[in-house]
Protein backbone atom coordinates (compact mmCIF):
# COMPACT_ATOMS: atom_id res chain seq x y z
CA MET A 1 0.00 0.00 0.00
CA LYS A 2 1.35 3.41 -0.99
CA THR A 3 1.83 6.11 1.61
CA PRO A 4 0.95 9.74 0.75
CA ARG A 5 4.68 10.43 0.55
CA THR A 6 5.13 7.60 -1.95
CA SER A 7 2.23 8.88 -4.05
CA GLN A 8 3.76 12.37 -4.11
CA MET A 9 7.17 11.10 -5.20
CA GLU A 10 5.63 9.19 -8.10
CA THR A 11 2.76 11.42 -9.21
CA ALA A 12 3.04 15.02 -7.92
CA PRO A 13 4.05 17.67 -10.52
CA VAL A 14 7.84 17.67 -10.45
CA GLY A 15 8.37 21.43 -10.33
CA LYS A 16 6.04 21.83 -7.36
CA LEU A 17 7.39 18.72 -5.63
CA LEU A 18 10.98 19.93 -5.93
CA LEU A 19 10.07 23.30 -4.46
CA THR A 20 8.00 21.75 -1.68
CA THR A 21 10.85 19.42 -0.78
CA SER A 22 13.65 21.95 -1.18
CA LEU A 23 12.33 25.26 0.15
CA PRO A 24 12.41 24.33 3.84
CA ILE A 25 15.93 22.96 3.39
CA MET A 26 17.00 26.07 1.46
CA PHE A 27 15.67 28.32 4.17
CA SER A 28 17.30 26.37 6.99
CA MET A 29 20.64 26.24 5.17
CA MET A 30 20.51 29.97 4.52
CA VAL A 31 20.01 30.45 8.25
CA GLN A 32 23.04 28.22 8.83
CA ALA A 33 25.09 30.29 6.38
CA LEU A 34 23.84 33.46 8.02
CA TYR A 35 25.09 32.49 11.43
CA ASN A 36 28.45 31.53 9.91
CA ILE A 37 28.59 35.05 8.49
CA VAL A 38 27.53 36.49 11.85
CA ASP A 39 30.39 34.50 13.44
CA SER A 40 32.84 36.18 11.07
CA ILE A 41 31.30 39.62 11.56
CA PHE A 42 31.69 39.41 15.34
CA ILE A 43 35.18 37.90 15.11
CA SER A 44 36.34 40.51 12.55
CA ARG A 45 35.41 43.29 14.99
CA PHE A 46 37.23 41.48 17.77
CA SER A 47 40.53 40.97 15.90
CA GLU A 48 41.69 40.74 12.29
CA LYS A 49 44.11 38.01 13.31
CA ALA A 50 41.27 36.05 14.89
CA LEU A 51 39.43 36.35 11.57
CA SER A 52 42.53 35.06 9.77
CA ALA A 53 42.71 32.13 12.21
CA ILE A 54 39.10 31.15 11.56
CA SER A 55 39.72 31.44 7.81
CA LEU A 56 42.61 28.99 8.20
CA THR A 57 40.32 26.70 10.23
CA PHE A 58 37.79 26.52 7.39
CA PRO A 59 39.45 23.60 5.51
CA MET A 60 39.46 21.39 8.61
CA GLN A 61 35.87 22.32 9.44
CA THR A 62 34.93 21.49 5.86
CA LEU A 63 36.69 18.13 6.13
CA MET A 64 34.86 17.31 9.36
CA ILE A 65 31.51 18.27 7.85
CA ALA A 66 32.41 16.32 4.69
CA VAL A 67 32.61 13.04 6.57
CA GLY A 68 29.21 13.61 8.15
CA ILE A 69 27.44 14.97 5.09
CA GLY A 70 28.93 12.35 2.77
CA THR A 71 27.75 9.56 5.06
CA CYS A 72 24.29 11.13 5.28
CA VAL A 73 24.13 11.57 1.50
CA GLY A 74 24.79 7.85 1.16
CA VAL A 75 22.13 7.03 3.75
CA ASN A 76 19.69 9.49 2.13
CA ALA A 77 20.09 8.15 -1.42
CA PHE A 78 20.05 4.48 -0.36
CA LEU A 79 17.03 5.05 1.88
CA ALA A 80 15.09 6.93 -0.81
CA ARG A 81 15.83 4.24 -3.40
CA THR A 82 14.77 1.53 -0.93
CA LEU A 83 11.52 3.34 -0.18
CA GLY A 84 10.97 3.63 -3.93
CA GLN A 85 11.21 -0.17 -4.01
CA LYS A 86 8.62 -0.33 -1.16
CA ASN A 87 11.04 -2.16 1.19
CA THR A 88 10.38 -0.57 4.60
CA GLY A 89 12.13 -3.34 6.55
CA LYS A 90 15.41 -2.69 4.77
CA ALA A 91 14.88 1.06 5.23
CA GLN A 92 14.84 0.57 9.01
CA THR A 93 18.14 -1.30 8.84
CA ILE A 94 19.68 1.51 6.78
CA ILE A 95 18.74 4.04 9.49
CA GLN A 96 20.36 1.91 12.19
CA HIS A 97 23.61 1.67 10.26
CA GLY A 98 23.47 5.40 9.49
CA ALA A 99 23.39 6.20 13.21
CA LEU A 100 26.33 3.87 13.86
CA LEU A 101 28.37 5.49 11.09
CA ALA A 102 27.58 8.95 12.46
CA LEU A 103 29.11 7.84 15.77
CA PHE A 104 32.26 6.58 14.05
CA SER A 105 32.50 9.90 12.19
CA TYR A 106 32.47 11.78 15.50
CA LEU A 107 35.18 9.57 16.98
CA LEU A 108 37.42 10.43 14.03
CA ALA A 109 36.80 14.16 14.56
CA LEU A 110 37.46 13.77 18.30
CA PHE A 111 40.82 12.13 17.62
CA VAL A 112 41.89 14.93 15.27
CA GLY A 113 40.67 17.61 17.67
CA LEU A 114 42.62 16.18 20.59
CA PHE A 115 45.94 15.55 18.88
CA PHE A 116 46.36 17.57 15.67
CA THR A 117 44.98 21.09 16.07
CA ARG A 118 48.23 22.90 16.94
CA TRP A 119 50.13 21.02 14.23
CA PHE A 120 47.47 22.01 11.71
CA PHE A 121 48.04 25.72 12.31
CA SER A 122 51.80 25.49 12.79
CA ILE A 123 52.30 24.17 9.25
CA GLN A 124 50.39 27.15 7.86
CA THR A 125 51.78 30.11 9.79
CA THR A 126 54.42 31.10 12.34
CA ASP A 127 52.30 33.91 13.81
CA ALA A 128 51.84 32.87 17.46
CA GLU A 129 48.70 34.97 17.90
CA ILE A 130 46.95 33.42 14.89
CA ILE A 131 47.97 29.94 16.05
CA ALA A 132 46.57 30.60 19.55
CA TYR A 133 43.24 31.86 18.20
CA GLY A 134 43.03 28.96 15.76
CA VAL A 135 43.75 26.28 18.37
CA ASP A 136 41.16 27.80 20.73
CA TYR A 137 38.50 27.78 18.03
CA MET A 138 39.20 24.51 16.26
CA SER A 139 39.81 22.29 19.29
CA VAL A 140 36.43 23.17 20.81
CA CYS A 141 34.59 22.65 17.51
CA MET A 142 36.22 19.26 16.88
CA VAL A 143 36.07 17.77 20.39
CA PHE A 144 32.40 18.63 20.85
CA SER A 145 31.30 17.86 17.30
CA PHE A 146 29.09 14.87 18.22
CA SER A 147 26.03 17.13 17.95
CA LEU A 148 27.01 18.19 14.42
CA PHE A 149 27.07 14.60 13.15
CA GLY A 150 23.85 13.70 14.95
CA GLN A 151 22.08 16.77 13.63
CA GLN A 152 23.18 16.03 10.05
CA LEU A 153 21.84 12.47 10.23
CA PHE A 154 18.41 13.24 11.64
CA GLU A 155 17.90 16.24 9.39
CA LYS A 156 18.55 14.01 6.36
CA LEU A 157 16.12 11.41 7.68
CA LEU A 158 13.48 14.09 8.13
CA GLN A 159 14.09 15.34 4.60
CA THR A 160 13.95 11.86 3.05
CA SER A 161 10.62 11.11 4.73
CA GLY A 162 9.08 14.40 3.60
CA ARG A 163 9.44 16.19 6.96
CA SER A 164 11.65 18.99 5.65
CA VAL A 165 9.82 21.61 7.71
CA PHE A 166 11.01 19.97 10.93
CA SER A 167 14.54 19.80 9.54
CA MET A 168 14.27 23.54 8.92
CA VAL A 169 12.99 24.23 12.44
CA SER A 170 15.85 22.29 14.05
CA GLN A 171 18.39 24.28 12.03
CA ILE A 172 16.73 27.58 12.95
CA ILE A 173 16.78 26.67 16.63
CA GLY A 174 20.51 25.93 16.52
CA ALA A 175 21.30 29.02 14.45
CA LEU A 176 19.37 31.43 16.65
CA ILE A 177 21.04 30.12 19.81
CA ASN A 178 24.45 30.50 18.16
CA ILE A 179 23.71 34.06 17.02
CA ILE A 180 22.51 35.06 20.49
CA LEU A 181 25.50 33.53 22.26
CA ASP A 182 28.18 34.83 19.85
CA PRO A 183 28.45 38.44 21.12
CA LEU A 184 27.92 37.35 24.72
CA LEU A 185 30.82 34.89 24.69
CA ILE A 186 33.17 36.67 22.26
CA TYR A 187 33.03 40.11 23.91
CA GLY A 188 32.08 39.09 27.46
CA LEU A 189 28.65 40.71 27.70
CA ALA A 190 25.96 40.18 30.39
CA GLY A 191 28.58 39.31 32.99
CA LEU A 192 30.10 36.48 30.95
CA PRO A 193 33.89 36.23 30.38
CA ALA A 194 35.31 37.58 27.09
CA LEU A 195 36.51 34.40 25.37
CA GLY A 196 37.23 35.69 21.87
CA ALA A 197 37.65 32.92 19.29
CA LYS A 198 36.99 30.24 21.89
CA GLY A 199 33.70 31.97 22.73
CA ALA A 200 32.65 31.78 19.09
CA ALA A 201 33.42 28.05 19.09
CA ILE A 202 31.46 27.45 22.31
CA ALA A 203 28.47 29.32 20.87
CA THR A 204 28.70 27.14 17.77
CA VAL A 205 28.72 23.80 19.59
CA ILE A 206 25.87 24.85 21.91
CA GLY A 207 23.82 25.79 18.85
CA GLN A 208 24.67 22.44 17.25
CA LEU A 209 23.58 20.61 20.40
CA ALA A 210 20.22 22.38 20.37
CA GLY A 211 19.78 21.55 16.68
CA PHE A 212 20.69 17.89 17.25
CA VAL A 213 18.29 17.41 20.16
CA SER A 214 15.39 19.05 18.33
CA ALA A 215 16.04 17.07 15.09
CA PHE A 216 16.20 13.81 17.05
CA VAL A 217 12.93 14.57 18.88
CA PHE A 218 11.18 15.52 15.64
CA HIS A 219 12.38 12.36 13.91
CA GLN A 220 11.36 10.03 16.72
CA HIS A 221 7.97 11.69 17.11
CA TYR A 222 6.92 12.21 13.48
CA ASN A 223 8.70 9.45 11.53
CA LYS A 224 6.60 6.69 13.01
CA LEU A 225 7.61 4.07 10.44
CA LEU A 226 11.29 5.05 10.41
CA LYS A 227 12.07 5.51 14.09
CA LEU A 228 15.62 4.87 15.23
CA SER A 229 15.65 1.71 17.28
CA PHE A 230 18.46 -0.78 17.76
CA SER A 231 16.10 -3.57 18.77
CA GLY A 232 17.21 -6.67 16.89
CA PHE A 233 20.11 -4.82 15.28
CA ARG A 234 22.70 -6.91 13.49
CA PHE A 235 25.65 -5.34 11.74
CA ASN A 236 25.53 -5.83 7.98
CA SER A 237 28.65 -4.93 6.04
CA ALA A 238 26.68 -5.02 2.78
CA ILE A 239 24.51 -2.14 4.04
CA VAL A 240 27.59 -0.11 4.94
CA LYS A 241 29.15 -0.88 1.56
CA GLU A 242 26.02 0.31 -0.24
CA ILE A 243 25.83 3.50 1.85
CA TYR A 244 29.42 4.37 1.03
CA LYS A 245 29.06 3.44 -2.63
CA ILE A 246 27.30 6.81 -2.83
CA GLY A 247 28.59 8.39 0.38
CA LEU A 248 32.31 7.82 -0.09
CA PRO A 249 32.54 9.76 -3.36
CA ALA A 250 30.57 12.52 -1.64
CA ILE A 251 33.03 12.49 1.26
CA VAL A 252 35.99 12.50 -1.09
CA MET A 253 34.46 15.37 -3.06
CA GLN A 254 33.97 17.41 0.09
CA ALA A 255 37.41 16.41 1.36
CA ILE A 256 38.90 17.49 -1.95
CA GLY A 257 37.35 20.90 -1.34
CA SER A 258 38.94 20.97 2.09
CA VAL A 259 42.38 20.07 0.76
CA ALA A 260 41.97 22.56 -2.09
CA ASN A 261 41.11 25.33 0.37
CA PHE A 262 44.09 24.38 2.53
CA MET A 263 46.46 24.56 -0.44
CA LEU A 264 44.84 27.74 -1.74
CA ASN A 265 45.38 29.34 1.67
CA GLY A 266 49.04 28.41 1.33
CA ILE A 267 49.21 30.25 -2.00
CA LEU A 268 47.42 33.30 -0.56
CA LEU A 269 49.66 33.41 2.51
CA THR A 270 52.60 34.15 0.19
CA PHE A 271 50.96 37.56 -0.26
CA SER A 272 49.83 38.29 3.34
CA THR A 273 47.54 37.14 6.16
CA THR A 274 45.22 40.00 5.15
CA VAL A 275 44.67 38.34 1.76
CA THR A 276 43.79 35.11 3.56
CA ALA A 277 41.27 36.97 5.71
CA VAL A 278 39.79 38.51 2.55
CA TYR A 279 39.38 35.08 1.00
CA GLY A 280 37.69 33.95 4.22
CA ILE A 281 35.11 36.73 3.80
CA CYS A 282 34.61 35.84 0.12
CA ALA A 283 34.12 32.18 1.06
CA LYS A 284 31.50 33.09 3.68
CA LEU A 285 29.54 35.22 1.22
CA GLN A 286 29.85 32.57 -1.48
CA ASN A 287 28.61 30.01 1.01
CA PHE A 288 25.55 32.16 1.71
CA VAL A 289 24.72 32.36 -2.00
CA PHE A 290 25.21 28.63 -2.49
CA MET A 291 23.34 27.40 0.58
CA PRO A 292 19.97 27.57 -1.26
CA VAL A 293 21.58 25.59 -4.09
CA TYR A 294 22.77 22.97 -1.58
CA GLY A 295 19.22 22.90 -0.24
CA LEU A 296 17.99 22.41 -3.78
CA THR A 297 20.35 19.48 -4.34
CA SER A 298 19.23 17.98 -1.00
CA GLY A 299 15.67 18.18 -2.28
CA MET A 300 16.38 16.77 -5.74
CA LEU A 301 18.53 13.83 -4.56
CA PRO A 302 15.76 11.79 -2.90
CA ILE A 303 13.32 12.60 -5.73
CA MET A 304 15.73 11.43 -8.42
CA SER A 305 16.91 8.44 -6.36
CA TYR A 306 13.35 7.36 -5.62
CA ASN A 307 12.31 7.59 -9.26
CA PHE A 308 15.48 5.85 -10.38
CA GLY A 309 14.50 2.96 -8.08
CA ALA A 310 10.96 3.12 -9.47
CA LYS A 311 12.29 3.35 -13.08
CA LYS A 312 10.47 6.63 -13.77
CA GLN A 313 12.69 8.02 -16.52
CA GLN A 314 10.78 11.20 -17.28
CA ARG A 315 10.51 12.23 -13.63
CA ILE A 316 14.29 11.91 -13.31
CA LEU A 317 14.86 14.17 -16.31
CA LYS A 318 12.22 16.70 -15.28
CA THR A 319 13.68 16.95 -11.77
CA ARG A 320 17.07 17.80 -13.24
CA ARG A 321 15.61 20.41 -15.61
CA TYR A 322 13.69 22.17 -12.86
CA ALA A 323 16.73 22.03 -10.56
CA LEU A 324 18.84 23.76 -13.21
CA LEU A 325 16.19 26.44 -13.69
CA TYR A 326 15.82 27.16 -9.96
CA MET A 327 19.60 27.12 -9.50
CA ALA A 328 20.10 29.71 -12.24
CA VAL A 329 17.59 32.09 -10.65
CA ILE A 330 19.21 31.75 -7.20
CA ILE A 331 22.75 32.24 -8.48
CA LEU A 332 21.93 35.23 -10.69
CA VAL A 333 20.29 37.06 -7.78
CA GLY A 334 23.31 36.41 -5.57
CA VAL A 335 25.81 37.47 -8.21
CA LEU A 336 23.92 40.71 -8.91
CA VAL A 337 23.98 41.64 -5.23
CA ILE A 338 27.73 40.98 -4.97
CA GLN A 339 28.57 42.80 -8.20
CA LEU A 340 26.47 45.87 -7.38
CA MET A 341 26.96 46.13 -3.60
CA PRO A 342 30.47 44.95 -2.63
CA ASN A 343 31.16 47.99 -0.43
CA GLN A 344 27.96 47.54 1.54
CA LEU A 345 28.69 43.84 2.08
CA LEU A 346 32.24 44.51 3.25
CA THR A 347 31.05 47.20 5.66
CA LEU A 348 29.31 44.45 7.61
CA PHE A 349 32.73 42.99 8.41
CA GLY A 350 34.26 46.33 9.40
CA VAL A 351 37.17 45.80 7.01
CA SER A 352 40.06 48.23 6.81
CA ALA A 353 40.77 50.32 3.71
CA ASN A 354 43.67 48.00 2.91
CA MET A 355 41.45 44.92 3.07
CA ARG A 356 38.72 46.65 1.05
CA SER A 357 41.10 47.37 -1.85
CA VAL A 358 41.83 43.64 -2.09
CA ALA A 359 38.33 42.38 -1.30
CA ILE A 360 36.26 44.31 -3.87
CA PRO A 361 37.98 42.92 -6.99
CA ALA A 362 38.14 39.50 -5.31
CA LEU A 363 34.38 39.45 -4.76
CA ARG A 364 33.59 40.59 -8.28
CA ILE A 365 35.95 38.18 -10.03
CA ILE A 366 35.15 35.12 -7.90
CA SER A 367 31.38 35.64 -8.13
CA SER A 368 31.57 35.57 -11.94
CA SER A 369 32.23 31.82 -11.64
CA PHE A 370 29.15 31.04 -9.54
CA ILE A 371 26.81 30.05 -12.36
CA PHE A 372 29.31 27.47 -13.65
CA GLU A 373 29.77 26.03 -10.17
CA GLY A 374 26.01 25.85 -9.71
CA PHE A 375 25.65 23.80 -12.89
CA CYS A 376 28.39 21.45 -11.69
CA LEU A 377 26.68 20.96 -8.31
CA ILE A 378 23.39 20.02 -9.97
CA SER A 379 25.28 17.63 -12.25
CA GLN A 380 27.14 16.03 -9.35
CA THR A 381 23.86 15.39 -7.50
CA SER A 382 22.31 13.97 -10.67
CA PHE A 383 25.20 11.53 -10.95
CA GLN A 384 24.91 10.49 -7.29
CA SER A 385 21.17 9.85 -7.60
CA VAL A 386 21.65 7.24 -10.34
CA ARG A 387 24.57 5.54 -8.59
CA ARG A 388 27.32 7.13 -10.67
CA GLY A 389 29.42 8.37 -7.76
CA LEU A 390 32.65 8.17 -9.77
CA ALA A 391 31.32 10.61 -12.36
CA SER A 392 30.40 12.96 -9.54
CA LEU A 393 33.92 12.60 -8.13
CA VAL A 394 35.56 13.39 -11.49
CA CYS A 395 33.40 16.50 -11.80
CA SER A 396 34.43 17.63 -8.32
CA LEU A 397 38.13 16.92 -8.89
CA THR A 398 38.09 18.97 -12.07
CA ARG A 399 36.37 21.89 -10.36
CA GLN A 400 38.44 22.00 -7.19
CA VAL A 401 41.85 20.47 -7.91
CA PHE A 402 42.85 19.74 -11.50
CA VAL A 403 42.30 23.32 -12.72
CA LEU A 404 41.86 25.68 -9.75
CA LEU A 405 45.06 24.97 -7.83
CA PRO A 406 47.50 24.85 -10.77
CA ALA A 407 45.91 27.97 -12.26
CA ALA A 408 46.00 29.85 -8.94
CA TYR A 409 49.63 28.91 -8.38
CA LEU A 410 50.78 29.89 -11.86
CA LEU A 411 48.87 33.18 -11.73
CA SER A 412 50.36 33.97 -8.30
CA LEU A 413 53.90 33.90 -9.72
CA GLY A 414 53.33 37.31 -11.29
CA GLY A 415 52.88 38.85 -7.83
CA ASN A 416 49.45 40.37 -8.59
CA ILE A 417 46.73 39.03 -6.27
CA ASN A 418 43.96 40.07 -8.67
CA HIS A 419 45.36 37.64 -11.22
CA VAL A 420 45.00 34.79 -8.72
CA TRP A 421 41.25 35.37 -8.47
CA LEU A 422 40.97 34.78 -12.25
CA ALA A 423 41.61 31.08 -11.56
CA PHE A 424 37.98 30.80 -10.35
CA PRO A 425 36.13 31.76 -13.56
CA LEU A 426 38.69 29.82 -15.62
CA THR A 427 38.00 26.73 -13.52
CA GLY A 428 34.25 27.27 -13.85
CA VAL A 429 34.32 27.18 -17.65
CA VAL A 430 36.44 24.01 -17.80
CA SER A 431 34.23 22.31 -15.19
CA LEU A 432 31.11 23.15 -17.18
CA VAL A 433 32.49 21.39 -20.25
CA VAL A 434 33.49 18.32 -18.21
CA SER A 435 30.05 18.18 -16.53
CA LEU A 436 28.29 18.21 -19.89
CA LEU A 437 30.46 15.39 -21.25
CA LEU A 438 29.88 13.29 -18.12
CA TRP A 439 26.13 13.90 -18.23
CA LYS A 440 26.03 12.65 -21.82
CA ASP A 441 27.65 9.39 -20.70
CA VAL A 442 25.45 9.00 -17.60
CA TYR A 443 22.29 9.58 -19.63
CA LYS A 444 23.28 7.01 -22.22
CA LYS A 445 24.26 4.28 -19.74
CA ASN A 446 21.97 4.83 -16.73
CA ILE A 447 18.88 6.79 -17.75
CA ALA A 448 18.15 5.95 -21.39
CA PRO A 449 17.83 2.19 -20.61
CA LEU A 450 14.90 2.90 -18.26
CA ALA A 451 11.31 2.73 -19.52
CA ALA A 452 10.98 4.72 -22.75
CA PRO A 453 9.11 8.06 -22.42
CA LEU A 454 5.59 8.30 -23.77
CA ALA A 455 5.28 9.84 -27.22
CA GLY A 456 5.03 13.61 -27.06
CA GLN A 457 6.03 13.80 -23.39
CA ALA A 458 9.77 14.43 -23.61
CA GLY A 459 9.45 18.21 -23.86
CA ARG A 460 6.95 18.70 -21.06
CA TRP A 461 8.05 20.09 -17.72
CA ALA A 462 5.08 19.41 -15.42
């Protein structure tokens, strides 16, 4: 017997379904990006070196998040495909293994946080003040990251089961608590001690804890058929293998981004720590623009995976077309704001005149690559949804490593920082071409063999 959710996935108009599924996730992720920006705004007014330290922390934070998100992407896609096959018993087993893998992910982050934080900063800079700020911030975030991994898991489960609104609410709860606590703990307001960078980290982990608890409660209360219970649990390596068949490429792709950012920071540090801080601001603003796109891909993944399991060829193709359309609208709005209002955006961070002279051209040049990156993200998610994780990995490698880093390094040799930023649009164009070639192959091998479309239906969008 079909549930209402199942009926929606198979029969609801695709454009409306994608919006219904994605909008709550988009909103919640924008809130998440907003409080990351607020973190940077407060820290930038506390100390420019503290801002530089947090910018240097970003690759390790990205790597930590990559492990959690990649695992959850694997769980999400596998779960959606299993539900598309109407196998609820197997779906329950997938959830159990997802929770176990989230725990293992935290233990890895705990190990790194306890033993490698000072080394991580020492290999990037010799500035003792930046190292001290960085260790304070990163060690707290890593050691107490169990809430981050738990929140990621239960939010994905809520999204997969059509409870995206509750996923959004849990994210908002965590974000609001973080935003409230940031100034109190960074500056020492309301009788609290001024903790600087460590205060920002403490505010972050408390917000994550609140988000985790609320997401867990929502899942257990509203996902009646998919509750987390270890009753009768037996470890199944085949389930883990299937989760990571999709999840591991996603982890590697995110990890590649982390390594790329780490190496790019090394290139930028040859100019100055100010340039690194500028790139940190650019990355935060870029993240804010792309969070709705990430929400969109989170919404399209279960729809495409479900319909791939159900062999609904046209719904797969329509989901991708609508995702590309919505992505283009989101990206163009973000790029227009950055291109037309860079001074106003930088004023939020209280940047110096020296930083502003570097940041304005950086923002304008980097943002010109956004539309290409957006297309690549939609393509990567399309590949993941039809079990072509390797194609997704190749797309990511091209975008973040094969072109960006060599181009940035070669352009840095001329000593002009503005030339380095040109590596971003150059990478975007190359990645677009690679994505199109990969999509042609994926369509031919994975989508075309599905049930042939009805005559006259191929051009319809609804």
